[in-house]
Amino acid sequence: RWIQLRSQLNPAQFLEQHSLKNPCFWTPADLEYPRLLLEIPNPPPVLYYRGQVHLPENQGIKPLVSIVGTREPSEYGKRWTQKISSVLAKHGFTVVSGMAAGIDAEAHRGCLAAGGRTLAVLGTGVDVVYPPRNRPLYEQIQQQGLVLSEYPAGTQPNRPHFPQRNRIIAGLARAVLVMEAPNKSGALITAYQANEFGRDVYALPGSLDNHKSIGCLGLLNRGAQVILNEGHLLEMLGAIPELETREPLSQLSLLTPEQPQSIPHLAPELAQVWQALTPEPTPFDVIVQQVGLAAGSVSSALLQLELQGLASQLPGMQYRRC
């Protein structure tokens, strides 16, 4: 059944429809793809965007700092988030967050009010605003920054998407600031991922009487840097070594004619299907047998590989590696 459905799909028509709905996107093969995301174990295979692109951000030349926290902050958390994001913007940093309610929204607003640039990484398609009340903020971010998502246009809110996008928030930045977070907060997932990626993690201390600060206090106990005030934070961020100024290397541009083609950074299932392909045409059913996955999963993986320019379909339901 899946093979029959796949044979009815016209890749050219699919790509045309995809391009109309998603005119702006990068893959790891593009030089504009954010350089720092290439350092993490699972960079998004496609990164959709809307807004104003600033190449020094993508190249890692202009520093990005992520700010995360609870969706239900205290007045203390709101106040300090706006103060910190504002001072970062005034000192040339770009602020990254997830455009969720609470700390995320305050981080974006503080940065925008100071005339800075901000990046919003969504857990929906780039055309879907969630929560809906953030529509004015979404519009302003497109004017003064960039909206990003690994999900194609039209993707609606889905609970697993939000923790999944946190790795992008952590990977884009040189440092992650956790402003207020209770235990089991999604912001703590971002902090743990940032630490795994080699990013600096900072936390704003709060009262022991405030359960929304317990997550931050736990991070500090495990070695996160403490935010004492704006000046102290700027001093600490200034100590982060600068990246070398050079053109970013995509995963595919690392290849030379003399070297065997290495496996691009792909999700495990995509990598498995990609490895089953060769420069010679291979029938679809043979690929299914080789990888041992369901035909539907293989079909979906081949479409994604085609979108990334890593595979192409030939007549007769055959595929080859590009």
C-alpha atoms as a PDB file:
ATOM      1  CA  ARG A   1       0.000   0.000   0.000  1.00  0.00           C
ATOM      2  CA  TRP A   2       2.776   2.446   0.924  1.00  0.00           C
ATOM      3  CA  ILE A   3       4.642   1.629  -2.291  1.00  0.00           C
ATOM      4  CA  GLN A   4       1.469   2.303  -4.282  1.00  0.00           C
ATOM      5  CA  LEU A   5       0.926   5.638  -2.511  1.00  0.00           C
ATOM      6  CA  ARG A   6       4.568   6.606  -3.015  1.00  0.00           C
ATOM      7  CA  SER A   7       4.359   5.802  -6.715  1.00  0.00           C
ATOM      8  CA  GLN A   8       1.403   8.191  -7.023  1.00  0.00           C
ATOM      9  CA  LEU A   9       3.366  11.075  -5.520  1.00  0.00           C
ATOM     10  CA  ASN A  10       4.973  13.453  -7.974  1.00  0.00           C
ATOM     11  CA  PRO A  11       8.220  14.711  -6.362  1.00  0.00           C
ATOM     12  CA  ALA A  12       8.378  17.728  -8.673  1.00  0.00           C
ATOM     13  CA  GLN A  13       4.837  18.735  -7.737  1.00  0.00           C
ATOM     14  CA  PHE A  14       5.554  18.136  -4.055  1.00  0.00           C
ATOM     15  CA  LEU A  15       8.687  20.303  -4.201  1.00  0.00           C
ATOM     16  CA  GLU A  16       6.793  23.058  -6.015  1.00  0.00           C
ATOM     17  CA  GLN A  17       4.051  23.085  -3.360  1.00  0.00           C
ATOM     18  CA  HIS A  18       6.655  22.983  -0.604  1.00  0.00           C
ATOM     19  CA  SER A  19       8.506  25.950  -2.114  1.00  0.00           C
ATOM     20  CA  LEU A  20       5.323  28.010  -2.362  1.00  0.00           C
ATOM     21  CA  LYS A  21       4.496  27.442   1.312  1.00  0.00           C
ATOM     22  CA  ASN A  22       8.110  27.567   2.514  1.00  0.00           C
ATOM     23  CA  PRO A  23      10.013  29.994   0.275  1.00  0.00           C
ATOM     24  CA  CYS A  24      12.822  30.562   2.771  1.00  0.00           C
ATOM     25  CA  PHE A  25      14.828  27.723   4.293  1.00  0.00           C
ATOM     26  CA  TRP A  26      18.366  26.477   4.779  1.00  0.00           C
ATOM     27  CA  THR A  27      19.858  23.001   4.874  1.00  0.00           C
ATOM     28  CA  PRO A  28      23.328  22.036   6.183  1.00  0.00           C
ATOM     29  CA  ALA A  29      24.489  22.158   2.552  1.00  0.00           C
ATOM     30  CA  ASP A  30      23.937  25.945   2.478  1.00  0.00           C
ATOM     31  CA  LEU A  31      26.716  28.341   3.449  1.00  0.00           C
ATOM     32  CA  GLU A  32      24.089  30.509   5.172  1.00  0.00           C
ATOM     33  CA  TYR A  33      23.098  27.676   7.530  1.00  0.00           C
ATOM     34  CA  PRO A  34      23.901  28.791  11.111  1.00  0.00           C
ATOM     35  CA  ARG A  35      27.480  27.774  11.765  1.00  0.00           C
ATOM     36  CA  LEU A  36      27.061  26.891  15.429  1.00  0.00           C
ATOM     37  CA  LEU A  37      24.225  24.464  14.676  1.00  0.00           C
ATOM     38  CA  LEU A  38      26.680  22.371  12.673  1.00  0.00           C
ATOM     39  CA  GLU A  39      28.514  21.696  15.948  1.00  0.00           C
ATOM     40  CA  ILE A  40      25.606  19.929  17.655  1.00  0.00           C
ATOM     41  CA  PRO A  41      24.949  16.188  17.208  1.00  0.00           C
ATOM     42  CA  ASN A  42      21.531  16.529  15.547  1.00  0.00           C
ATOM     43  CA  PRO A  43      21.204  19.819  13.648  1.00  0.00           C
ATOM     44  CA  PRO A  44      17.840  20.303  11.941  1.00  0.00           C
ATOM     45  CA  PRO A  45      18.009  18.927   8.376  1.00  0.00           C
ATOM     46  CA  VAL A  46      15.853  21.844   7.237  1.00  0.00           C
ATOM     47  CA  LEU A  47      15.607  25.212   8.992  1.00  0.00           C
ATOM     48  CA  TYR A  48      12.755  27.433   7.816  1.00  0.00           C
ATOM     49  CA  TYR A  49      12.849  31.172   8.466  1.00  0.00           C
ATOM     50  CA  ARG A  50      10.956  34.423   8.087  1.00  0.00           C
ATOM     51  CA  GLY A  51      12.212  37.911   8.768  1.00  0.00           C
ATOM     52  CA  GLN A  52      15.494  39.753   8.395  1.00  0.00           C
ATOM     53  CA  VAL A  53      18.597  37.609   7.860  1.00  0.00           C
ATOM     54  CA  HIS A  54      21.857  38.949   9.325  1.00  0.00           C
ATOM     55  CA  LEU A  55      24.750  36.840   8.023  1.00  0.00           C
ATOM     56  CA  PRO A  56      27.210  37.713  10.847  1.00  0.00           C
ATOM     57  CA  GLU A  57      24.796  35.906  13.182  1.00  0.00           C
ATOM     58  CA  ASN A  58      24.745  32.831  10.973  1.00  0.00           C
ATOM     59  CA  GLN A  59      28.534  32.864  10.708  1.00  0.00           C
ATOM     60  CA  GLY A  60      28.999  33.118  14.466  1.00  0.00           C
ATOM     61  CA  ILE A  61      30.661  36.534  14.182  1.00  0.00           C
ATOM     62  CA  LYS A  62      27.915  38.414  16.022  1.00  0.00           C
ATOM     63  CA  PRO A  63      27.348  36.695  19.399  1.00  0.00           C
ATOM     64  CA  LEU A  64      23.978  35.151  20.191  1.00  0.00           C
ATOM     65  CA  VAL A  65      22.736  34.588  23.749  1.00  0.00           C
ATOM     66  CA  SER A  66      19.681  32.468  24.536  1.00  0.00           C
ATOM     67  CA  ILE A  67      17.288  33.382  27.345  1.00  0.00           C
ATOM     68  CA  VAL A  68      14.828  30.773  28.640  1.00  0.00           C
ATOM     69  CA  GLY A  69      12.553  30.193  31.610  1.00  0.00           C
ATOM     70  CA  THR A  70       9.113  29.383  32.927  1.00  0.00           C
ATOM     71  CA  ARG A  71       5.874  30.275  31.153  1.00  0.00           C
ATOM     72  CA  GLU A  72       4.486  31.631  34.447  1.00  0.00           C
ATOM     73  CA  PRO A  73       7.208  33.883  35.865  1.00  0.00           C
ATOM     74  CA  SER A  74       7.039  36.047  38.958  1.00  0.00           C
ATOM     75  CA  GLU A  75       7.333  39.826  38.719  1.00  0.00           C
ATOM     76  CA  TYR A  76      10.962  39.401  39.778  1.00  0.00           C
ATOM     77  CA  GLY A  77      11.588  37.033  36.866  1.00  0.00           C
ATOM     78  CA  LYS A  78       9.857  39.314  34.368  1.00  0.00           C
ATOM     79  CA  ARG A  79      11.710  42.413  35.572  1.00  0.00           C
ATOM     80  CA  TRP A  80      15.157  40.857  35.448  1.00  0.00           C
ATOM     81  CA  THR A  81      14.529  39.185  32.111  1.00  0.00           C
ATOM     82  CA  GLN A  82      13.651  42.512  30.535  1.00  0.00           C
ATOM     83  CA  LYS A  83      16.636  44.224  32.189  1.00  0.00           C
ATOM     84  CA  ILE A  84      19.073  41.552  31.020  1.00  0.00           C
ATOM     85  CA  SER A  85      17.738  41.284  27.467  1.00  0.00           C
ATOM     86  CA  SER A  86      17.736  45.065  27.129  1.00  0.00           C
ATOM     87  CA  VAL A  87      21.335  45.471  28.256  1.00  0.00           C
ATOM     88  CA  LEU A  88      22.439  42.594  26.008  1.00  0.00           C
ATOM     89  CA  ALA A  89      20.803  44.270  23.013  1.00  0.00           C
ATOM     90  CA  LYS A  90      22.478  47.599  23.817  1.00  0.00           C
ATOM     91  CA  HIS A  91      25.869  45.874  23.919  1.00  0.00           C
ATOM     92  CA  GLY A  92      25.539  44.187  20.540  1.00  0.00           C
ATOM     93  CA  PHE A  93      24.247  40.734  21.457  1.00  0.00           C
ATOM     94  CA  THR A  94      21.382  39.069  19.618  1.00  0.00           C
ATOM     95  CA  VAL A  95      18.846  37.488  21.970  1.00  0.00           C
ATOM     96  CA  VAL A  96      17.436  34.034  21.152  1.00  0.00           C
ATOM     97  CA  SER A  97      14.332  32.554  22.759  1.00  0.00           C
ATOM     98  CA  GLY A  98      11.261  30.457  21.968  1.00  0.00           C
ATOM     99  CA  MET A  99       8.427  33.043  21.822  1.00  0.00           C
ATOM    100  CA  ALA A 100       6.459  31.112  24.448  1.00  0.00           C
ATOM    101  CA  ALA A 101       4.450  32.929  27.096  1.00  0.00           C
ATOM    102  CA  GLY A 102       6.366  34.139  30.135  1.00  0.00           C
ATOM    103  CA  ILE A 103      10.152  34.479  30.202  1.00  0.00           C
ATOM    104  CA  ASP A 104      10.525  33.891  26.443  1.00  0.00           C
ATOM    105  CA  ALA A 105       8.155  36.723  25.558  1.00  0.00           C
ATOM    106  CA  GLU A 106       9.756  39.072  28.100  1.00  0.00           C
ATOM    107  CA  ALA A 107      13.206  38.340  26.636  1.00  0.00           C
ATOM    108  CA  HIS A 108      12.043  39.202  23.122  1.00  0.00           C
ATOM    109  CA  ARG A 109      10.229  42.348  24.280  1.00  0.00           C
ATOM    110  CA  GLY A 110      13.152  43.649  26.310  1.00  0.00           C
ATOM    111  CA  CYS A 111      15.500  43.200  23.377  1.00  0.00           C
ATOM    112  CA  LEU A 112      13.149  44.790  20.852  1.00  0.00           C
ATOM    113  CA  ALA A 113      12.432  47.754  23.124  1.00  0.00           C
ATOM    114  CA  ALA A 114      16.169  48.446  23.265  1.00  0.00           C
ATOM    115  CA  GLY A 115      16.399  48.392  19.467  1.00  0.00           C
ATOM    116  CA  GLY A 116      18.148  45.028  19.321  1.00  0.00           C
ATOM    117  CA  ARG A 117      17.771  41.964  17.141  1.00  0.00           C
ATOM    118  CA  THR A 118      16.083  38.838  18.417  1.00  0.00           C
ATOM    119  CA  LEU A 119      15.553  35.320  17.062  1.00  0.00           C
ATOM    120  CA  ALA A 120      12.468  33.247  17.906  1.00  0.00           C
ATOM    121  CA  VAL A 121      12.735  29.462  17.539  1.00  0.00           C
ATOM    122  CA  LEU A 122       9.220  28.061  17.237  1.00  0.00           C
ATOM    123  CA  GLY A 123       7.771  24.656  18.027  1.00  0.00           C
ATOM    124  CA  THR A 124       5.280  25.194  15.185  1.00  0.00           C
ATOM    125  CA  GLY A 125       5.595  26.154  11.537  1.00  0.00           C
ATOM    126  CA  VAL A 126       7.019  29.625  10.946  1.00  0.00           C
ATOM    127  CA  ASP A 127       3.538  30.831   9.962  1.00  0.00           C
ATOM    128  CA  VAL A 128       1.760  29.531  13.082  1.00  0.00           C
ATOM    129  CA  VAL A 129       1.721  31.829  16.129  1.00  0.00           C
ATOM    130  CA  TYR A 130       1.526  30.105  19.504  1.00  0.00           C
ATOM    131  CA  PRO A 131       0.245  31.268  21.856  1.00  0.00           C
ATOM    132  CA  PRO A 132      -2.067  33.326  19.598  1.00  0.00           C
ATOM    133  CA  ARG A 133      -1.848  36.362  21.905  1.00  0.00           C
ATOM    134  CA  ASN A 134       1.790  36.723  20.863  1.00  0.00           C
ATOM    135  CA  ARG A 135       0.775  37.760  17.332  1.00  0.00           C
ATOM    136  CA  PRO A 136       1.942  41.410  17.756  1.00  0.00           C
ATOM    137  CA  LEU A 137       5.256  40.164  19.156  1.00  0.00           C
ATOM    138  CA  TYR A 138       5.617  37.715  16.253  1.00  0.00           C
ATOM    139  CA  GLU A 139       5.076  40.514  13.724  1.00  0.00           C
ATOM    140  CA  GLN A 140       7.609  42.761  15.447  1.00  0.00           C
ATOM    141  CA  ILE A 141      10.229  39.995  15.583  1.00  0.00           C
ATOM    142  CA  GLN A 142       9.908  39.540  11.810  1.00  0.00           C
ATOM    143  CA  GLN A 143      10.619  43.261  11.399  1.00  0.00           C
ATOM    144  CA  GLN A 144      13.596  43.393  13.793  1.00  0.00           C
ATOM    145  CA  GLY A 145      14.874  39.854  13.711  1.00  0.00           C
ATOM    146  CA  LEU A 146      14.137  36.342  12.562  1.00  0.00           C
ATOM    147  CA  VAL A 147      11.580  33.600  13.174  1.00  0.00           C
ATOM    148  CA  LEU A 148      12.990  30.069  12.825  1.00  0.00           C
ATOM    149  CA  SER A 149      11.559  26.549  12.871  1.00  0.00           C
ATOM    150  CA  GLU A 150      12.544  23.057  11.798  1.00  0.00           C
ATOM    151  CA  TYR A 151       8.872  22.362  11.045  1.00  0.00           C
ATOM    152  CA  PRO A 152       7.298  23.271   7.680  1.00  0.00           C
ATOM    153  CA  ALA A 153       4.640  25.942   7.317  1.00  0.00           C
ATOM    154  CA  GLY A 154       1.258  24.961   8.672  1.00  0.00           C
ATOM    155  CA  THR A 155       2.611  22.741  11.468  1.00  0.00           C
ATOM    156  CA  GLN A 156       0.296  23.213  14.449  1.00  0.00           C
ATOM    157  CA  PRO A 157       1.289  23.135  18.151  1.00  0.00           C
ATOM    158  CA  ASN A 158       2.259  19.635  19.263  1.00  0.00           C
ATOM    159  CA  ARG A 159       3.581  18.975  22.763  1.00  0.00           C
ATOM    160  CA  PRO A 160       6.712  16.972  21.728  1.00  0.00           C
ATOM    161  CA  HIS A 161       7.800  19.710  19.311  1.00  0.00           C
ATOM    162  CA  PHE A 162       8.575  22.221  22.055  1.00  0.00           C
ATOM    163  CA  PRO A 163      11.237  20.257  23.972  1.00  0.00           C
ATOM    164  CA  GLN A 164      12.574  19.096  20.597  1.00  0.00           C
ATOM    165  CA  ARG A 165      13.176  22.676  19.430  1.00  0.00           C
ATOM    166  CA  ASN A 166      15.069  23.474  22.659  1.00  0.00           C
ATOM    167  CA  ARG A 167      18.248  21.929  21.225  1.00  0.00           C
ATOM    168  CA  ILE A 168      18.146  24.618  18.500  1.00  0.00           C
ATOM    169  CA  ILE A 169      17.815  27.379  21.097  1.00  0.00           C
ATOM    170  CA  ALA A 170      20.816  25.899  22.918  1.00  0.00           C
ATOM    171  CA  GLY A 171      22.833  25.244  19.768  1.00  0.00           C
ATOM    172  CA  LEU A 172      22.460  28.678  18.161  1.00  0.00           C
ATOM    173  CA  ALA A 173      23.954  30.587  21.089  1.00  0.00           C
ATOM    174  CA  ARG A 174      27.341  30.929  22.771  1.00  0.00           C
ATOM    175  CA  ALA A 175      25.624  31.051  26.174  1.00  0.00           C
ATOM    176  CA  VAL A 176      22.233  30.176  27.681  1.00  0.00           C
ATOM    177  CA  LEU A 177      20.653  32.190  30.519  1.00  0.00           C
ATOM    178  CA  VAL A 178      17.974  30.558  32.676  1.00  0.00           C
ATOM    179  CA  MET A 179      16.057  33.367  34.359  1.00  0.00           C
ATOM    180  CA  GLU A 180      13.431  31.506  36.381  1.00  0.00           C
ATOM    181  CA  ALA A 181      12.496  27.830  36.269  1.00  0.00           C
ATOM    182  CA  PRO A 182      10.845  25.332  38.602  1.00  0.00           C
ATOM    183  CA  ASN A 183      11.919  21.712  38.703  1.00  0.00           C
ATOM    184  CA  LYS A 184      10.978  19.751  35.559  1.00  0.00           C
ATOM    185  CA  SER A 185      10.843  22.963  33.523  1.00  0.00           C
ATOM    186  CA  GLY A 186      11.568  22.741  29.803  1.00  0.00           C
ATOM    187  CA  ALA A 187      14.115  25.514  30.351  1.00  0.00           C
ATOM    188  CA  LEU A 188      16.227  23.040  32.316  1.00  0.00           C
ATOM    189  CA  ILE A 189      16.270  20.725  29.289  1.00  0.00           C
ATOM    190  CA  THR A 190      17.686  23.611  27.264  1.00  0.00           C
ATOM    191  CA  ALA A 191      20.324  24.232  29.945  1.00  0.00           C
ATOM    192  CA  TYR A 192      21.377  20.574  30.038  1.00  0.00           C
ATOM    193  CA  GLN A 193      21.624  20.459  26.247  1.00  0.00           C
ATOM    194  CA  ALA A 194      23.642  23.676  26.210  1.00  0.00           C
ATOM    195  CA  ASN A 195      26.081  22.147  28.672  1.00  0.00           C
ATOM    196  CA  GLU A 196      26.400  19.038  26.478  1.00  0.00           C
ATOM    197  CA  PHE A 197      27.078  21.265  23.466  1.00  0.00           C
ATOM    198  CA  GLY A 198      29.872  23.078  25.302  1.00  0.00           C
ATOM    199  CA  ARG A 199      27.929  26.330  25.780  1.00  0.00           C
ATOM    200  CA  ASP A 200      28.170  28.424  28.938  1.00  0.00           C
ATOM    201  CA  VAL A 201      25.122  28.197  31.211  1.00  0.00           C
ATOM    202  CA  TYR A 202      24.068  31.054  33.527  1.00  0.00           C
ATOM    203  CA  ALA A 203      21.260  31.164  36.065  1.00  0.00           C
ATOM    204  CA  LEU A 204      19.538  33.989  37.915  1.00  0.00           C
ATOM    205  CA  PRO A 205      19.379  33.215  41.653  1.00  0.00           C
ATOM    206  CA  GLY A 206      16.004  33.520  43.336  1.00  0.00           C
ATOM    207  CA  SER A 207      14.328  33.087  46.682  1.00  0.00           C
ATOM    208  CA  LEU A 208      14.077  29.694  48.353  1.00  0.00           C
ATOM    209  CA  ASP A 209      10.448  30.604  49.016  1.00  0.00           C
ATOM    210  CA  ASN A 210       9.754  30.834  45.280  1.00  0.00           C
ATOM    211  CA  HIS A 211       9.280  27.372  43.751  1.00  0.00           C
ATOM    212  CA  LYS A 212       9.809  28.933  40.329  1.00  0.00           C
ATOM    213  CA  SER A 213      13.454  29.579  41.235  1.00  0.00           C
ATOM    214  CA  ILE A 214      14.250  26.060  42.462  1.00  0.00           C
ATOM    215  CA  GLY A 215      15.401  24.935  39.015  1.00  0.00           C
ATOM    216  CA  CYS A 216      17.820  27.867  38.769  1.00  0.00           C
ATOM    217  CA  LEU A 217      19.196  27.183  42.239  1.00  0.00           C
ATOM    218  CA  GLY A 218      19.715  23.561  41.233  1.00  0.00           C
ATOM    219  CA  LEU A 219      21.677  24.654  38.157  1.00  0.00           C
ATOM    220  CA  LEU A 220      23.860  26.895  40.308  1.00  0.00           C
ATOM    221  CA  ASN A 221      24.473  23.996  42.670  1.00  0.00           C
ATOM    222  CA  ARG A 222      25.637  21.907  39.703  1.00  0.00           C
ATOM    223  CA  GLY A 223      28.100  24.511  38.477  1.00  0.00           C
ATOM    224  CA  ALA A 224      26.209  27.030  36.347  1.00  0.00           C
ATOM    225  CA  GLN A 225      27.511  30.611  36.370  1.00  0.00           C
ATOM    226  CA  VAL A 226      25.594  32.983  38.625  1.00  0.00           C
ATOM    227  CA  ILE A 227      24.073  36.217  37.291  1.00  0.00           C
ATOM    228  CA  LEU A 228      24.869  38.832  39.948  1.00  0.00           C
ATOM    229  CA  ASN A 229      23.881  41.908  37.939  1.00  0.00           C
ATOM    230  CA  GLU A 230      23.993  43.273  34.393  1.00  0.00           C
ATOM    231  CA  GLY A 231      27.611  44.414  34.588  1.00  0.00           C
ATOM    232  CA  HIS A 232      28.798  41.101  36.008  1.00  0.00           C
ATOM    233  CA  LEU A 233      27.039  39.201  33.224  1.00  0.00           C
ATOM    234  CA  LEU A 234      28.561  41.393  30.507  1.00  0.00           C
ATOM    235  CA  GLU A 235      31.991  40.863  32.029  1.00  0.00           C
ATOM    236  CA  MET A 236      31.501  37.086  32.028  1.00  0.00           C
ATOM    237  CA  LEU A 237      30.166  37.010  28.469  1.00  0.00           C
ATOM    238  CA  GLY A 238      33.079  39.149  27.340  1.00  0.00           C
ATOM    239  CA  ALA A 239      35.429  36.414  28.504  1.00  0.00           C
ATOM    240  CA  ILE A 240      33.993  33.902  26.013  1.00  0.00           C
ATOM    241  CA  PRO A 241      36.655  33.381  23.307  1.00  0.00           C
ATOM    242  CA  GLU A 242      35.758  34.827  19.924  1.00  0.00           C
ATOM    243  CA  LEU A 243      35.172  32.468  17.040  1.00  0.00           C
ATOM    244  CA  GLU A 244      37.597  32.623  14.156  1.00  0.00           C
ATOM    245  CA  THR A 245      36.321  34.928  11.435  1.00  0.00           C
ATOM    246  CA  ARG A 246      35.967  32.730   8.397  1.00  0.00           C
ATOM    247  CA  GLU A 247      33.391  31.512   5.945  1.00  0.00           C
ATOM    248  CA  PRO A 248      31.183  28.852   7.534  1.00  0.00           C
ATOM    249  CA  LEU A 249      31.682  25.329   6.286  1.00  0.00           C
ATOM    250  CA  SER A 250      28.604  23.297   5.503  1.00  0.00           C
ATOM    251  CA  GLN A 251      28.615  19.569   6.013  1.00  0.00           C
ATOM    252  CA  LEU A 252      28.769  18.985   2.276  1.00  0.00           C
ATOM    253  CA  SER A 253      31.473  21.569   1.572  1.00  0.00           C
ATOM    254  CA  LEU A 254      33.879  19.615   3.766  1.00  0.00           C
ATOM    255  CA  LEU A 255      34.185  17.035   0.991  1.00  0.00           C
ATOM    256  CA  THR A 256      37.078  17.055  -1.473  1.00  0.00           C
ATOM    257  CA  PRO A 257      37.399  14.977  -4.653  1.00  0.00           C
ATOM    258  CA  GLU A 258      40.194  12.955  -3.069  1.00  0.00           C
ATOM    259  CA  GLN A 259      38.181  12.050   0.038  1.00  0.00           C
ATOM    260  CA  PRO A 260      35.475   9.396   0.284  1.00  0.00           C
ATOM    261  CA  GLN A 261      32.043  10.921   0.845  1.00  0.00           C
ATOM    262  CA  SER A 262      31.386  11.069   4.577  1.00  0.00           C
ATOM    263  CA  ILE A 263      27.994  10.642   6.180  1.00  0.00           C
ATOM    264  CA  PRO A 264      26.237  14.009   6.591  1.00  0.00           C
ATOM    265  CA  HIS A 265      24.789  14.896   9.977  1.00  0.00           C
ATOM    266  CA  LEU A 266      21.337  13.343   9.705  1.00  0.00           C
ATOM    267  CA  ALA A 267      18.748  11.835  11.979  1.00  0.00           C
ATOM    268  CA  PRO A 268      19.469   8.100  12.457  1.00  0.00           C
ATOM    269  CA  GLU A 269      16.645   6.953  10.168  1.00  0.00           C
ATOM    270  CA  LEU A 270      17.647   9.379   7.404  1.00  0.00           C
ATOM    271  CA  ALA A 271      21.296   8.344   7.697  1.00  0.00           C
ATOM    272  CA  GLN A 272      20.321   4.673   7.440  1.00  0.00           C
ATOM    273  CA  VAL A 273      18.409   5.269   4.208  1.00  0.00           C
ATOM    274  CA  TRP A 274      21.126   7.549   2.804  1.00  0.00           C
ATOM    275  CA  GLN A 275      23.757   4.868   3.399  1.00  0.00           C
ATOM    276  CA  ALA A 276      21.658   2.351   1.468  1.00  0.00           C
ATOM    277  CA  LEU A 277      21.840   4.567  -1.622  1.00  0.00           C
ATOM    278  CA  THR A 278      24.681   4.534  -4.145  1.00  0.00           C
ATOM    279  CA  PRO A 279      25.472   6.706  -7.182  1.00  0.00           C
ATOM    280  CA  GLU A 280      23.832   3.947  -9.236  1.00  0.00           C
ATOM    281  CA  PRO A 281      20.016   3.633  -9.472  1.00  0.00           C
ATOM    282  CA  THR A 282      18.487   1.422  -6.760  1.00  0.00           C
ATOM    283  CA  PRO A 283      14.839   0.247  -6.838  1.00  0.00           C
ATOM    284  CA  PHE A 284      12.643   1.406  -3.970  1.00  0.00           C
ATOM    285  CA  ASP A 285      11.772  -2.127  -2.817  1.00  0.00           C
ATOM    286  CA  VAL A 286      15.467  -3.026  -2.664  1.00  0.00           C
ATOM    287  CA  ILE A 287      16.118  -0.001  -0.417  1.00  0.00           C
ATOM    288  CA  VAL A 288      13.266  -1.090   1.873  1.00  0.00           C
ATOM    289  CA  GLN A 289      14.748  -4.588   2.148  1.00  0.00           C
ATOM    290  CA  GLN A 290      18.252  -3.262   2.837  1.00  0.00           C
ATOM    291  CA  VAL A 291      17.335  -0.865   5.642  1.00  0.00           C
ATOM    292  CA  GLY A 292      14.702  -3.064   7.288  1.00  0.00           C
ATOM    293  CA  LEU A 293      12.299  -0.167   7.913  1.00  0.00           C
ATOM    294  CA  ALA A 294       8.634   0.166   7.055  1.00  0.00           C
ATOM    295  CA  ALA A 295       7.997   1.255   3.477  1.00  0.00           C
ATOM    296  CA  GLY A 296       6.250   4.403   4.702  1.00  0.00           C
ATOM    297  CA  SER A 297       9.263   5.403   6.797  1.00  0.00           C
ATOM    298  CA  VAL A 298      11.610   4.821   3.861  1.00  0.00           C
ATOM    299  CA  SER A 299       9.340   6.831   1.570  1.00  0.00           C
ATOM    300  CA  SER A 300       9.295   9.751   4.018  1.00  0.00           C
ATOM    301  CA  ALA A 301      13.070   9.585   4.464  1.00  0.00           C
ATOM    302  CA  LEU A 302      13.667   9.619   0.707  1.00  0.00           C
ATOM    303  CA  LEU A 303      11.501  12.714   0.347  1.00  0.00           C
ATOM    304  CA  GLN A 304      13.499  14.503   3.034  1.00  0.00           C
ATOM    305  CA  LEU A 305      16.775  13.468   1.400  1.00  0.00           C
ATOM    306  CA  GLU A 306      15.505  14.799  -1.930  1.00  0.00           C
ATOM    307  CA  LEU A 307      14.630  18.125  -0.290  1.00  0.00           C
ATOM    308  CA  GLN A 308      18.181  18.353   1.057  1.00  0.00           C
ATOM    309  CA  GLY A 309      19.730  17.539  -2.308  1.00  0.00           C
ATOM    310  CA  LEU A 310      21.174  14.271  -0.997  1.00  0.00           C
ATOM    311  CA  ALA A 311      19.120  11.930  -3.189  1.00  0.00           C
ATOM    312  CA  SER A 312      17.196  12.015  -6.443  1.00  0.00           C
ATOM    313  CA  GLN A 313      14.371   9.932  -7.856  1.00  0.00           C
ATOM    314  CA  LEU A 314      14.694   8.303 -11.277  1.00  0.00           C
ATOM    315  CA  PRO A 315      12.024   6.764 -13.516  1.00  0.00           C
ATOM    316  CA  GLY A 316      10.684   3.400 -12.383  1.00  0.00           C
ATOM    317  CA  MET A 317      10.718   4.155  -8.633  1.00  0.00           C
ATOM    318  CA  GLN A 318      14.507   4.104  -8.490  1.00  0.00           C
ATOM    319  CA  TYR A 319      16.761   6.347  -6.409  1.00  0.00           C
ATOM    320  CA  ARG A 320      20.397   7.289  -6.329  1.00  0.00           C
ATOM    321  CA  ARG A 321      22.673   9.226  -4.004  1.00  0.00           C
ATOM    322  CA  CYS A 322      23.587  12.746  -5.131  1.00  0.00           C
END
